[in-house]
Amino acid sequence: MKHRIEVNGIKCYAHHGCLEEEAKIGGHYIVDVSLTTDFSLAMQTDDLSQTVCYVDINTIVKEEMAIRSKLIEHVGGRIFNRIKNELENIHQLSVKIVKICPPINGDVDDCSIIIED
């Protein structure tokens, strides 16, 4: 059986971007993680060890977002790989990073990347 877990709207302030100003000033980001797993045993037993812990997902996102990168594609790849490598029983994974008000010489709310398998 497959089940979906989503941890959405993880708010981060980070210093990603190709511009030196972004490295100094930083900006706001929102990260969404969605995964497919089987938590049948957790439904039956009420045991956290039988599912994917939301705290672990949030911790990985926060730790990786704190490491500066020029590209959110790079940060997204690190988040994706850590979740796949460190958490068990994940069948499919999607990581979305939204960069709020990117400095791209236009009136743009946000830009985002999505990595999924």
PDB file of N, CA and C in Angstrom:
ATOM      1  N   MET A   1       0.853  -1.182   0.000  1.00  0.00           N
ATOM      2  CA  MET A   1       0.000   0.000   0.000  1.00  0.00           C
ATOM      3  C   MET A   1       0.894   1.240   0.000  1.00  0.00           C
ATOM      4  N   LYS A   2       0.472   2.274  -0.716  1.00  0.00           N
ATOM      5  CA  LYS A   2       1.225   3.527  -0.765  1.00  0.00           C
ATOM      6  C   LYS A   2       0.441   4.628  -0.069  1.00  0.00           C
ATOM      7  N   HIS A   3       1.181   5.438   0.654  1.00  0.00           N
ATOM      8  CA  HIS A   3       0.613   6.599   1.345  1.00  0.00           C
ATOM      9  C   HIS A   3       1.499   7.805   1.067  1.00  0.00           C
ATOM     10  N   ARG A   4       0.910   8.966   1.163  1.00  0.00           N
ATOM     11  CA  ARG A   4       1.651  10.205   0.915  1.00  0.00           C
ATOM     12  C   ARG A   4       1.808  10.989   2.218  1.00  0.00           C
ATOM     13  N   ILE A   5       3.006  11.515   2.415  1.00  0.00           N
ATOM     14  CA  ILE A   5       3.296  12.439   3.510  1.00  0.00           C
ATOM     15  C   ILE A   5       3.791  13.728   2.867  1.00  0.00           C
ATOM     16  N   GLU A   6       3.261  14.853   3.320  1.00  0.00           N
ATOM     17  CA  GLU A   6       3.698  16.156   2.825  1.00  0.00           C
ATOM     18  C   GLU A   6       4.063  17.053   3.997  1.00  0.00           C
ATOM     19  N   VAL A   7       5.195  17.694   3.878  1.00  0.00           N
ATOM     20  CA  VAL A   7       5.601  18.730   4.825  1.00  0.00           C
ATOM     21  C   VAL A   7       5.751  19.983   3.970  1.00  0.00           C
ATOM     22  N   ASN A   8       4.780  20.877   4.068  1.00  0.00           N
ATOM     23  CA  ASN A   8       4.693  22.032   3.177  1.00  0.00           C
ATOM     24  C   ASN A   8       4.932  23.339   3.915  1.00  0.00           C
ATOM     25  N   GLY A   9       5.470  24.290   3.176  1.00  0.00           N
ATOM     26  CA  GLY A   9       5.625  25.634   3.710  1.00  0.00           C
ATOM     27  C   GLY A   9       6.724  25.769   4.744  1.00  0.00           C
ATOM     28  N   ILE A  10       7.804  25.013   4.585  1.00  0.00           N
ATOM     29  CA  ILE A  10       8.947  25.156   5.497  1.00  0.00           C
ATOM     30  C   ILE A  10       9.609  26.488   5.163  1.00  0.00           C
ATOM     31  N   LYS A  11       9.513  27.422   6.066  1.00  0.00           N
ATOM     32  CA  LYS A  11      10.007  28.772   5.816  1.00  0.00           C
ATOM     33  C   LYS A  11      11.471  28.884   6.243  1.00  0.00           C
ATOM     34  N   CYS A  12      12.278  29.438   5.333  1.00  0.00           N
ATOM     35  CA  CYS A  12      13.705  29.573   5.596  1.00  0.00           C
ATOM     36  C   CYS A  12      14.174  30.953   5.143  1.00  0.00           C
ATOM     37  N   TYR A  13      15.137  31.474   5.857  1.00  0.00           N
ATOM     38  CA  TYR A  13      15.853  32.670   5.409  1.00  0.00           C
ATOM     39  C   TYR A  13      17.257  32.192   5.097  1.00  0.00           C
ATOM     40  N   ALA A  14      17.691  32.380   3.847  1.00  0.00           N
ATOM     41  CA  ALA A  14      18.979  31.836   3.435  1.00  0.00           C
ATOM     42  C   ALA A  14      19.680  32.805   2.488  1.00  0.00           C
ATOM     43  N   HIS A  15      20.916  32.488   2.180  1.00  0.00           N
ATOM     44  CA  HIS A  15      21.775  33.382   1.389  1.00  0.00           C
ATOM     45  C   HIS A  15      22.177  32.741   0.066  1.00  0.00           C
ATOM     46  N   HIS A  16      21.202  32.256  -0.681  1.00  0.00           N
ATOM     47  CA  HIS A  16      21.480  31.632  -1.973  1.00  0.00           C
ATOM     48  C   HIS A  16      21.338  32.655  -3.093  1.00  0.00           C
ATOM     49  N   GLY A  17      22.097  32.463  -4.152  1.00  0.00           N
ATOM     50  CA  GLY A  17      21.991  33.320  -5.319  1.00  0.00           C
ATOM     51  C   GLY A  17      23.345  33.605  -5.923  1.00  0.00           C
ATOM     52  N   CYS A  18      23.335  33.986  -7.182  1.00  0.00           N
ATOM     53  CA  CYS A  18      24.577  34.267  -7.904  1.00  0.00           C
ATOM     54  C   CYS A  18      25.130  35.659  -7.622  1.00  0.00           C
ATOM     55  N   LEU A  19      24.290  36.544  -7.132  1.00  0.00           N
ATOM     56  CA  LEU A  19      24.722  37.917  -6.865  1.00  0.00           C
ATOM     57  C   LEU A  19      25.354  38.032  -5.479  1.00  0.00           C
ATOM     58  N   GLU A  20      26.389  38.871  -5.385  1.00  0.00           N
ATOM     59  CA  GLU A  20      27.046  39.093  -4.088  1.00  0.00           C
ATOM     60  C   GLU A  20      26.070  39.671  -3.062  1.00  0.00           C
ATOM     61  N   GLU A  21      25.137  40.501  -3.525  1.00  0.00           N
ATOM     62  CA  GLU A  21      24.147  41.081  -2.626  1.00  0.00           C
ATOM     63  C   GLU A  21      23.304  39.994  -1.962  1.00  0.00           C
ATOM     64  N   GLU A  22      22.983  38.936  -2.724  1.00  0.00           N
ATOM     65  CA  GLU A  22      22.198  37.841  -2.165  1.00  0.00           C
ATOM     66  C   GLU A  22      22.988  37.108  -1.082  1.00  0.00           C
ATOM     67  N   ALA A  23      24.283  37.012  -1.273  1.00  0.00           N
ATOM     68  CA  ALA A  23      25.130  36.356  -0.264  1.00  0.00           C
ATOM     69  C   ALA A  23      25.148  37.159   1.023  1.00  0.00           C
ATOM     70  N   LYS A  24      25.132  38.479   0.896  1.00  0.00           N
ATOM     71  CA  LYS A  24      25.196  39.346   2.080  1.00  0.00           C
ATOM     72  C   LYS A  24      23.825  39.529   2.724  1.00  0.00           C
ATOM     73  N   ILE A  25      22.833  39.845   1.922  1.00  0.00           N
ATOM     74  CA  ILE A  25      21.511  40.210   2.439  1.00  0.00           C
ATOM     75  C   ILE A  25      20.637  38.993   2.708  1.00  0.00           C
ATOM     76  N   GLY A  26      20.673  38.022   1.821  1.00  0.00           N
ATOM     77  CA  GLY A  26      19.819  36.841   1.957  1.00  0.00           C
ATOM     78  C   GLY A  26      18.414  37.099   1.459  1.00  0.00           C
ATOM     79  N   GLY A  27      17.582  36.085   1.593  1.00  0.00           N
ATOM     80  CA  GLY A  27      16.208  36.202   1.140  1.00  0.00           C
ATOM     81  C   GLY A  27      15.332  35.110   1.724  1.00  0.00           C
ATOM     82  N   HIS A  28      14.058  35.216   1.433  1.00  0.00           N
ATOM     83  CA  HIS A  28      13.069  34.272   1.963  1.00  0.00           C
ATOM     84  C   HIS A  28      12.815  33.149   0.964  1.00  0.00           C
ATOM     85  N   TYR A  29      12.668  31.939   1.522  1.00  0.00           N
ATOM     86  CA  TYR A  29      12.416  30.736   0.737  1.00  0.00           C
ATOM     87  C   TYR A  29      11.333  29.917   1.417  1.00  0.00           C
ATOM     88  N   ILE A  30      10.622  29.142   0.603  1.00  0.00           N
ATOM     89  CA  ILE A  30       9.649  28.182   1.125  1.00  0.00           C
ATOM     90  C   ILE A  30       9.957  26.837   0.481  1.00  0.00           C
ATOM     91  N   VAL A  31      10.010  25.791   1.302  1.00  0.00           N
ATOM     92  CA  VAL A  31      10.314  24.453   0.804  1.00  0.00           C
ATOM     93  C   VAL A  31       9.134  23.530   1.100  1.00  0.00           C
ATOM     94  N   ASP A  32       8.747  22.760   0.092  1.00  0.00           N
ATOM     95  CA  ASP A  32       7.710  21.732   0.230  1.00  0.00           C
ATOM     96  C   ASP A  32       8.338  20.380  -0.067  1.00  0.00           C
ATOM     97  N   VAL A  33       8.043  19.405   0.789  1.00  0.00           N
ATOM     98  CA  VAL A  33       8.521  18.036   0.580  1.00  0.00           C
ATOM     99  C   VAL A  33       7.310  17.119   0.557  1.00  0.00           C
ATOM    100  N   SER A  34       7.240  16.296  -0.477  1.00  0.00           N
ATOM    101  CA  SER A  34       6.163  15.331  -0.606  1.00  0.00           C
ATOM    102  C   SER A  34       6.788  13.978  -0.898  1.00  0.00           C
ATOM    103  N   LEU A  35       6.319  12.952  -0.192  1.00  0.00           N
ATOM    104  CA  LEU A  35       6.877  11.628  -0.428  1.00  0.00           C
ATOM    105  C   LEU A  35       5.799  10.559  -0.352  1.00  0.00           C
ATOM    106  N   THR A  36       6.060   9.481  -1.063  1.00  0.00           N
ATOM    107  CA  THR A  36       5.190   8.322  -1.024  1.00  0.00           C
ATOM    108  C   THR A  36       5.895   7.238  -0.234  1.00  0.00           C
ATOM    109  N   THR A  37       5.165   6.622   0.684  1.00  0.00           N
ATOM    110  CA  THR A  37       5.713   5.604   1.562  1.00  0.00           C
ATOM    111  C   THR A  37       4.602   4.611   1.895  1.00  0.00           C
ATOM    112  N   ASP A  38       4.870   3.727   2.794  1.00  0.00           N
ATOM    113  CA  ASP A  38       3.853   2.812   3.312  1.00  0.00           C
ATOM    114  C   ASP A  38       3.857   2.946   4.824  1.00  0.00           C
ATOM    115  N   PHE A  39       2.825   3.598   5.354  1.00  0.00           N
ATOM    116  CA  PHE A  39       2.747   3.728   6.811  1.00  0.00           C
ATOM    117  C   PHE A  39       1.600   2.911   7.398  1.00  0.00           C
ATOM    118  N   SER A  40       1.341   1.758   6.781  1.00  0.00           N
ATOM    119  CA  SER A  40       0.285   0.865   7.266  1.00  0.00           C
ATOM    120  C   SER A  40       0.492   0.468   8.721  1.00  0.00           C
ATOM    121  N   LEU A  41       1.734   0.128   9.080  1.00  0.00           N
ATOM    122  CA  LEU A  41       2.011  -0.278  10.467  1.00  0.00           C
ATOM    123  C   LEU A  41       1.789   0.882  11.438  1.00  0.00           C
ATOM    124  N   ALA A  42       2.150   2.083  11.036  1.00  0.00           N
ATOM    125  CA  ALA A  42       1.921   3.242  11.900  1.00  0.00           C
ATOM    126  C   ALA A  42       0.430   3.469  12.122  1.00  0.00           C
ATOM    127  N   MET A  43      -0.380   3.226  11.094  1.00  0.00           N
ATOM    128  CA  MET A  43      -1.837   3.362  11.239  1.00  0.00           C
ATOM    129  C   MET A  43      -2.367   2.359  12.254  1.00  0.00           C
ATOM    130  N   GLN A  44      -1.792   1.178  12.261  1.00  0.00           N
ATOM    131  CA  GLN A  44      -2.268   0.112  13.148  1.00  0.00           C
ATOM    132  C   GLN A  44      -1.725   0.245  14.572  1.00  0.00           C
ATOM    133  N   THR A  45      -0.460   0.673  14.685  1.00  0.00           N
ATOM    134  CA  THR A  45       0.222   0.604  15.983  1.00  0.00           C
ATOM    135  C   THR A  45       0.371   1.940  16.694  1.00  0.00           C
ATOM    136  N   ASP A  46       0.168   3.043  15.994  1.00  0.00           N
ATOM    137  CA  ASP A  46       0.377   4.377  16.558  1.00  0.00           C
ATOM    138  C   ASP A  46       1.833   4.561  16.996  1.00  0.00           C
ATOM    139  N   ASP A  47       2.760   3.981  16.214  1.00  0.00           N
ATOM    140  CA  ASP A  47       4.189   3.975  16.536  1.00  0.00           C
ATOM    141  C   ASP A  47       4.938   4.836  15.522  1.00  0.00           C
ATOM    142  N   LEU A  48       5.561   5.900  16.003  1.00  0.00           N
ATOM    143  CA  LEU A  48       6.281   6.830  15.147  1.00  0.00           C
ATOM    144  C   LEU A  48       7.390   6.152  14.351  1.00  0.00           C
ATOM    145  N   SER A  49       8.002   5.135  14.902  1.00  0.00           N
ATOM    146  CA  SER A  49       9.108   4.469  14.199  1.00  0.00           C
ATOM    147  C   SER A  49       8.635   3.710  12.962  1.00  0.00           C
ATOM    148  N   GLN A  50       7.340   3.606  12.756  1.00  0.00           N
ATOM    149  CA  GLN A  50       6.783   2.887  11.601  1.00  0.00           C
ATOM    150  C   GLN A  50       6.378   3.816  10.463  1.00  0.00           C
ATOM    151  N   THR A  51       6.842   5.067  10.535  1.00  0.00           N
ATOM    152  CA  THR A  51       6.544   6.032   9.479  1.00  0.00           C
ATOM    153  C   THR A  51       7.730   6.962   9.306  1.00  0.00           C
ATOM    154  N   VAL A  52       7.617   7.916   8.397  1.00  0.00           N
ATOM    155  CA  VAL A  52       8.650   8.918   8.186  1.00  0.00           C
ATOM    156  C   VAL A  52       8.350  10.100   9.113  1.00  0.00           C
ATOM    157  N   CYS A  53       9.337  10.470   9.899  1.00  0.00           N
ATOM    158  CA  CYS A  53       9.157  11.532  10.895  1.00  0.00           C
ATOM    159  C   CYS A  53       9.250  12.911  10.244  1.00  0.00           C
ATOM    160  N   TYR A  54       8.233  13.727  10.445  1.00  0.00           N
ATOM    161  CA  TYR A  54       8.206  15.086   9.885  1.00  0.00           C
ATOM    162  C   TYR A  54       9.365  15.927  10.409  1.00  0.00           C
ATOM    163  N   VAL A  55       9.743  15.690  11.654  1.00  0.00           N
ATOM    164  CA  VAL A  55      10.844  16.447  12.265  1.00  0.00           C
ATOM    165  C   VAL A  55      12.142  16.189  11.500  1.00  0.00           C
ATOM    166  N   ASP A  56      12.368  14.949  11.093  1.00  0.00           N
ATOM    167  CA  ASP A  56      13.572  14.617  10.338  1.00  0.00           C
ATOM    168  C   ASP A  56      13.600  15.346   9.000  1.00  0.00           C
ATOM    169  N   ILE A  57      12.464  15.412   8.338  1.00  0.00           N
ATOM    170  CA  ILE A  57      12.381  16.129   7.064  1.00  0.00           C
ATOM    171  C   ILE A  57      12.689  17.610   7.272  1.00  0.00           C
ATOM    172  N   ASN A  58      12.056  18.212   8.261  1.00  0.00           N
ATOM    173  CA  ASN A  58      12.271  19.628   8.551  1.00  0.00           C
ATOM    174  C   ASN A  58      13.733  19.901   8.895  1.00  0.00           C
ATOM    175  N   THR A  59      14.347  19.029   9.676  1.00  0.00           N
ATOM    176  CA  THR A  59      15.748  19.201  10.072  1.00  0.00           C
ATOM    177  C   THR A  59      16.669  19.167   8.856  1.00  0.00           C
ATOM    178  N   ILE A  60      16.465  18.204   7.974  1.00  0.00           N
ATOM    179  CA  ILE A  60      17.290  18.113   6.769  1.00  0.00           C
ATOM    180  C   ILE A  60      17.147  19.372   5.929  1.00  0.00           C
ATOM    181  N   VAL A  61      15.916  19.824   5.728  1.00  0.00           N
ATOM    182  CA  VAL A  61      15.682  21.034   4.935  1.00  0.00           C
ATOM    183  C   VAL A  61      16.387  22.228   5.560  1.00  0.00           C
ATOM    184  N   LYS A  62      16.208  22.440   6.848  1.00  0.00           N
ATOM    185  CA  LYS A  62      16.819  23.597   7.527  1.00  0.00           C
ATOM    186  C   LYS A  62      18.343  23.552   7.452  1.00  0.00           C
ATOM    187  N   GLU A  63      18.925  22.372   7.671  1.00  0.00           N
ATOM    188  CA  GLU A  63      20.384  22.248   7.625  1.00  0.00           C
ATOM    189  C   GLU A  63      20.935  22.532   6.236  1.00  0.00           C
ATOM    190  N   GLU A  64      20.301  22.003   5.209  1.00  0.00           N
ATOM    191  CA  GLU A  64      20.797  22.210   3.848  1.00  0.00           C
ATOM    192  C   GLU A  64      20.544  23.636   3.361  1.00  0.00           C
ATOM    193  N   MET A  65      19.432  24.222   3.754  1.00  0.00           N
ATOM    194  CA  MET A  65      19.153  25.609   3.360  1.00  0.00           C
ATOM    195  C   MET A  65      20.132  26.578   4.014  1.00  0.00           C
ATOM    196  N   ALA A  66      20.741  26.191   5.123  1.00  0.00           N
ATOM    197  CA  ALA A  66      21.702  27.051   5.827  1.00  0.00           C
ATOM    198  C   ALA A  66      23.074  27.069   5.145  1.00  0.00           C
ATOM    199  N   ILE A  67      23.308  26.154   4.209  1.00  0.00           N
ATOM    200  CA  ILE A  67      24.582  26.095   3.485  1.00  0.00           C
ATOM    201  C   ILE A  67      24.431  26.873   2.185  1.00  0.00           C
ATOM    202  N   ARG A  68      25.211  27.922   2.038  1.00  0.00           N
ATOM    203  CA  ARG A  68      25.078  28.797   0.874  1.00  0.00           C
ATOM    204  C   ARG A  68      25.379  28.068  -0.430  1.00  0.00           C
ATOM    205  N   SER A  69      24.544  28.347  -1.422  1.00  0.00           N
ATOM    206  CA  SER A  69      24.754  27.897  -2.791  1.00  0.00           C
ATOM    207  C   SER A  69      24.381  29.027  -3.733  1.00  0.00           C
ATOM    208  N   LYS A  70      24.967  29.020  -4.897  1.00  0.00           N
ATOM    209  CA  LYS A  70      24.577  30.005  -5.906  1.00  0.00           C
ATOM    210  C   LYS A  70      23.214  29.665  -6.488  1.00  0.00           C
ATOM    211  N   LEU A  71      22.926  28.367  -6.626  1.00  0.00           N
ATOM    212  CA  LEU A  71      21.707  27.924  -7.296  1.00  0.00           C
ATOM    213  C   LEU A  71      20.796  27.153  -6.350  1.00  0.00           C
ATOM    214  N   ILE A  72      19.480  27.440  -6.419  1.00  0.00           N
ATOM    215  CA  ILE A  72      18.547  26.651  -5.609  1.00  0.00           C
ATOM    216  C   ILE A  72      18.439  25.231  -6.160  1.00  0.00           C
ATOM    217  N   GLU A  73      18.817  25.035  -7.415  1.00  0.00           N
ATOM    218  CA  GLU A  73      18.876  23.682  -7.959  1.00  0.00           C
ATOM    219  C   GLU A  73      19.869  22.830  -7.164  1.00  0.00           C
ATOM    220  N   HIS A  74      20.984  23.440  -6.796  1.00  0.00           N
ATOM    221  CA  HIS A  74      22.023  22.743  -6.036  1.00  0.00           C
ATOM    222  C   HIS A  74      21.528  22.411  -4.631  1.00  0.00           C
ATOM    223  N   VAL A  75      20.903  23.368  -3.987  1.00  0.00           N
ATOM    224  CA  VAL A  75      20.349  23.133  -2.642  1.00  0.00           C
ATOM    225  C   VAL A  75      19.280  22.046  -2.705  1.00  0.00           C
ATOM    226  N   GLY A  76      18.408  22.133  -3.690  1.00  0.00           N
ATOM    227  CA  GLY A  76      17.356  21.133  -3.848  1.00  0.00           C
ATOM    228  C   GLY A  76      17.916  19.735  -4.023  1.00  0.00           C
ATOM    229  N   GLY A  77      18.994  19.615  -4.783  1.00  0.00           N
ATOM    230  CA  GLY A  77      19.635  18.320  -4.974  1.00  0.00           C
ATOM    231  C   GLY A  77      20.188  17.759  -3.677  1.00  0.00           C
ATOM    232  N   ARG A  78      20.772  18.619  -2.870  1.00  0.00           N
ATOM    233  CA  ARG A  78      21.298  18.171  -1.569  1.00  0.00           C
ATOM    234  C   ARG A  78      20.177  17.707  -0.657  1.00  0.00           C
ATOM    235  N   ILE A  79      19.087  18.469  -0.606  1.00  0.00           N
ATOM    236  CA  ILE A  79      17.937  18.087   0.226  1.00  0.00           C
ATOM    237  C   ILE A  79      17.376  16.749  -0.251  1.00  0.00           C
ATOM    238  N   PHE A  80      17.168  16.636  -1.560  1.00  0.00           N
ATOM    239  CA  PHE A  80      16.613  15.417  -2.147  1.00  0.00           C
ATOM    240  C   PHE A  80      17.482  14.200  -1.794  1.00  0.00           C
ATOM    241  N   ASN A  81      18.787  14.325  -2.022  1.00  0.00           N
ATOM    242  CA  ASN A  81      19.697  13.204  -1.773  1.00  0.00           C
ATOM    243  C   ASN A  81      19.755  12.816  -0.303  1.00  0.00           C
ATOM    244  N   ARG A  82      19.766  13.793   0.585  1.00  0.00           N
ATOM    245  CA  ARG A  82      19.807  13.463   2.015  1.00  0.00           C
ATOM    246  C   ARG A  82      18.549  12.743   2.467  1.00  0.00           C
ATOM    247  N   ILE A  83      17.392  13.216   2.012  1.00  0.00           N
ATOM    248  CA  ILE A  83      16.149  12.545   2.399  1.00  0.00           C
ATOM    249  C   ILE A  83      16.142  11.116   1.878  1.00  0.00           C
ATOM    250  N   LYS A  84      16.525  10.928   0.609  1.00  0.00           N
ATOM    251  CA  LYS A  84      16.546   9.580   0.025  1.00  0.00           C
ATOM    252  C   LYS A  84      17.544   8.667   0.737  1.00  0.00           C
ATOM    253  N   ASN A  85      18.696   9.218   1.121  1.00  0.00           N
ATOM    254  CA  ASN A  85      19.756   8.408   1.716  1.00  0.00           C
ATOM    255  C   ASN A  85      19.590   8.179   3.215  1.00  0.00           C
ATOM    256  N   GLU A  86      18.975   9.123   3.915  1.00  0.00           N
ATOM    257  CA  GLU A  86      18.928   9.044   5.374  1.00  0.00           C
ATOM    258  C   GLU A  86      17.606   8.528   5.936  1.00  0.00           C
ATOM    259  N   LEU A  87      16.537   8.641   5.181  1.00  0.00           N
ATOM    260  CA  LEU A  87      15.238   8.194   5.671  1.00  0.00           C
ATOM    261  C   LEU A  87      14.831   6.922   4.947  1.00  0.00           C
ATOM    262  N   GLU A  88      14.153   6.054   5.639  1.00  0.00           N
ATOM    263  CA  GLU A  88      13.817   4.740   5.089  1.00  0.00           C
ATOM    264  C   GLU A  88      12.395   4.694   4.537  1.00  0.00           C
ATOM    265  N   ASN A  89      12.186   3.727   3.649  1.00  0.00           N
ATOM    266  CA  ASN A  89      10.857   3.385   3.150  1.00  0.00           C
ATOM    267  C   ASN A  89      10.225   4.510   2.323  1.00  0.00           C
ATOM    268  N   ILE A  90      11.049   5.197   1.534  1.00  0.00           N
ATOM    269  CA  ILE A  90      10.536   6.255   0.662  1.00  0.00           C
ATOM    270  C   ILE A  90      10.517   5.716  -0.765  1.00  0.00           C
ATOM    271  N   HIS A  91       9.325   5.645  -1.340  1.00  0.00           N
ATOM    272  CA  HIS A  91       9.164   5.107  -2.690  1.00  0.00           C
ATOM    273  C   HIS A  91       9.313   6.194  -3.747  1.00  0.00           C
ATOM    274  N   GLN A  92       8.735   7.347  -3.505  1.00  0.00           N
ATOM    275  CA  GLN A  92       8.854   8.492  -4.404  1.00  0.00           C
ATOM    276  C   GLN A  92       9.045   9.737  -3.558  1.00  0.00           C
ATOM    277  N   LEU A  93       9.735  10.728  -4.146  1.00  0.00           N
ATOM    278  CA  LEU A  93      10.038  11.949  -3.404  1.00  0.00           C
ATOM    279  C   LEU A  93       9.949  13.142  -4.339  1.00  0.00           C
ATOM    280  N   SER A  94       9.429  14.245  -3.807  1.00  0.00           N
ATOM    281  CA  SER A  94       9.393  15.516  -4.515  1.00  0.00           C
ATOM    282  C   SER A  94       9.841  16.618  -3.551  1.00  0.00           C
ATOM    283  N   VAL A  95      10.770  17.443  -4.015  1.00  0.00           N
ATOM    284  CA  VAL A  95      11.251  18.585  -3.233  1.00  0.00           C
ATOM    285  C   VAL A  95      11.052  19.835  -4.077  1.00  0.00           C
ATOM    286  N   LYS A  96      10.367  20.818  -3.512  1.00  0.00           N
ATOM    287  CA  LYS A  96      10.132  22.092  -4.206  1.00  0.00           C
ATOM    288  C   LYS A  96      10.726  23.212  -3.362  1.00  0.00           C
ATOM    289  N   ILE A  97      11.533  24.060  -4.005  1.00  0.00           N
ATOM    290  CA  ILE A  97      12.072  25.247  -3.336  1.00  0.00           C
ATOM    291  C   ILE A  97      11.551  26.472  -4.067  1.00  0.00           C
ATOM    292  N   VAL A  98      10.959  27.379  -3.318  1.00  0.00           N
ATOM    293  CA  VAL A  98      10.425  28.624  -3.856  1.00  0.00           C
ATOM    294  C   VAL A  98      11.275  29.780  -3.338  1.00  0.00           C
ATOM    295  N   LYS A  99      11.799  30.565  -4.250  1.00  0.00           N
ATOM    296  CA  LYS A  99      12.578  31.761  -3.905  1.00  0.00           C
ATOM    297  C   LYS A  99      11.644  32.961  -4.041  1.00  0.00           C
ATOM    298  N   ILE A 100      11.358  33.604  -2.913  1.00  0.00           N
ATOM    299  CA  ILE A 100      10.421  34.730  -2.885  1.00  0.00           C
ATOM    300  C   ILE A 100      11.120  35.999  -3.386  1.00  0.00           C
ATOM    301  N   CYS A 101      10.448  36.742  -4.241  1.00  0.00           N
ATOM    302  CA  CYS A 101      10.941  38.025  -4.780  1.00  0.00           C
ATOM    303  C   CYS A 101      12.381  37.936  -5.293  1.00  0.00           C
ATOM    304  N   PRO A 102      12.631  37.110  -6.285  1.00  0.00           N
ATOM    305  CA  PRO A 102      13.994  36.986  -6.803  1.00  0.00           C
ATOM    306  C   PRO A 102      14.430  38.265  -7.526  1.00  0.00           C
ATOM    307  N   PRO A 103      15.706  38.616  -7.423  1.00  0.00           N
ATOM    308  CA  PRO A 103      16.192  39.837  -8.076  1.00  0.00           C
ATOM    309  C   PRO A 103      16.469  39.599  -9.564  1.00  0.00           C
ATOM    310  N   ILE A 104      15.404  39.583 -10.373  1.00  0.00           N
ATOM    311  CA  ILE A 104      15.576  39.268 -11.802  1.00  0.00           C
ATOM    312  C   ILE A 104      15.086  40.398 -12.707  1.00  0.00           C
ATOM    313  N   ASN A 105      15.140  41.627 -12.221  1.00  0.00           N
ATOM    314  CA  ASN A 105      14.763  42.792 -13.024  1.00  0.00           C
ATOM    315  C   ASN A 105      13.353  42.699 -13.581  1.00  0.00           C
ATOM    316  N   GLY A 106      12.423  42.299 -12.740  1.00  0.00           N
ATOM    317  CA  GLY A 106      11.036  42.228 -13.161  1.00  0.00           C
ATOM    318  C   GLY A 106      10.136  42.108 -11.957  1.00  0.00           C
ATOM    319  N   ASP A 107       8.863  42.333 -12.175  1.00  0.00           N
ATOM    320  CA  ASP A 107       7.876  42.219 -11.104  1.00  0.00           C
ATOM    321  C   ASP A 107       7.417  40.764 -11.016  1.00  0.00           C
ATOM    322  N   VAL A 108       8.153  39.975 -10.230  1.00  0.00           N
ATOM    323  CA  VAL A 108       7.926  38.545 -10.133  1.00  0.00           C
ATOM    324  C   VAL A 108       7.741  38.174  -8.670  1.00  0.00           C
ATOM    325  N   ASP A 109       6.681  37.435  -8.365  1.00  0.00           N
ATOM    326  CA  ASP A 109       6.438  37.003  -6.987  1.00  0.00           C
ATOM    327  C   ASP A 109       7.488  36.017  -6.507  1.00  0.00           C
ATOM    328  N   ASP A 110       7.768  34.998  -7.333  1.00  0.00           N
ATOM    329  CA  ASP A 110       8.716  33.974  -6.915  1.00  0.00           C
ATOM    330  C   ASP A 110       9.188  33.165  -8.108  1.00  0.00           C
ATOM    331  N   CYS A 111      10.245  32.408  -7.883  1.00  0.00           N
ATOM    332  CA  CYS A 111      10.741  31.414  -8.818  1.00  0.00           C
ATOM    333  C   CYS A 111      10.898  30.126  -8.042  1.00  0.00           C
ATOM    334  N   SER A 112      10.729  28.982  -8.694  1.00  0.00           N
ATOM    335  CA  SER A 112      10.842  27.732  -7.961  1.00  0.00           C
ATOM    336  C   SER A 112      11.456  26.645  -8.820  1.00  0.00           C
ATOM    337  N   ILE A 113      11.978  25.634  -8.124  1.00  0.00           N
ATOM    338  CA  ILE A 113      12.460  24.422  -8.778  1.00  0.00           C
ATOM    339  C   ILE A 113      11.766  23.247  -8.106  1.00  0.00           C
ATOM    340  N   ILE A 114      11.581  22.191  -8.860  1.00  0.00           N
ATOM    341  CA  ILE A 114      10.997  20.960  -8.314  1.00  0.00           C
ATOM    342  C   ILE A 114      11.867  19.801  -8.770  1.00  0.00           C
ATOM    343  N   ILE A 115      12.253  18.964  -7.817  1.00  0.00           N
ATOM    344  CA  ILE A 115      13.011  17.752  -8.109  1.00  0.00           C
ATOM    345  C   ILE A 115      12.160  16.590  -7.649  1.00  0.00           C
ATOM    346  N   GLU A 116      11.922  15.630  -8.528  1.00  0.00           N
ATOM    347  CA  GLU A 116      11.118  14.478  -8.141  1.00  0.00           C
ATOM    348  C   GLU A 116      11.572  13.239  -8.887  1.00  0.00           C
ATOM    349  N   ASP A 117      11.264  12.112  -8.283  1.00  0.00           N
ATOM    350  CA  ASP A 117      11.536  10.862  -8.978  1.00  0.00           C
ATOM    351  C   ASP A 117      10.254  10.090  -9.153  1.00  0.00           C
TER     352      ASP A 117
END
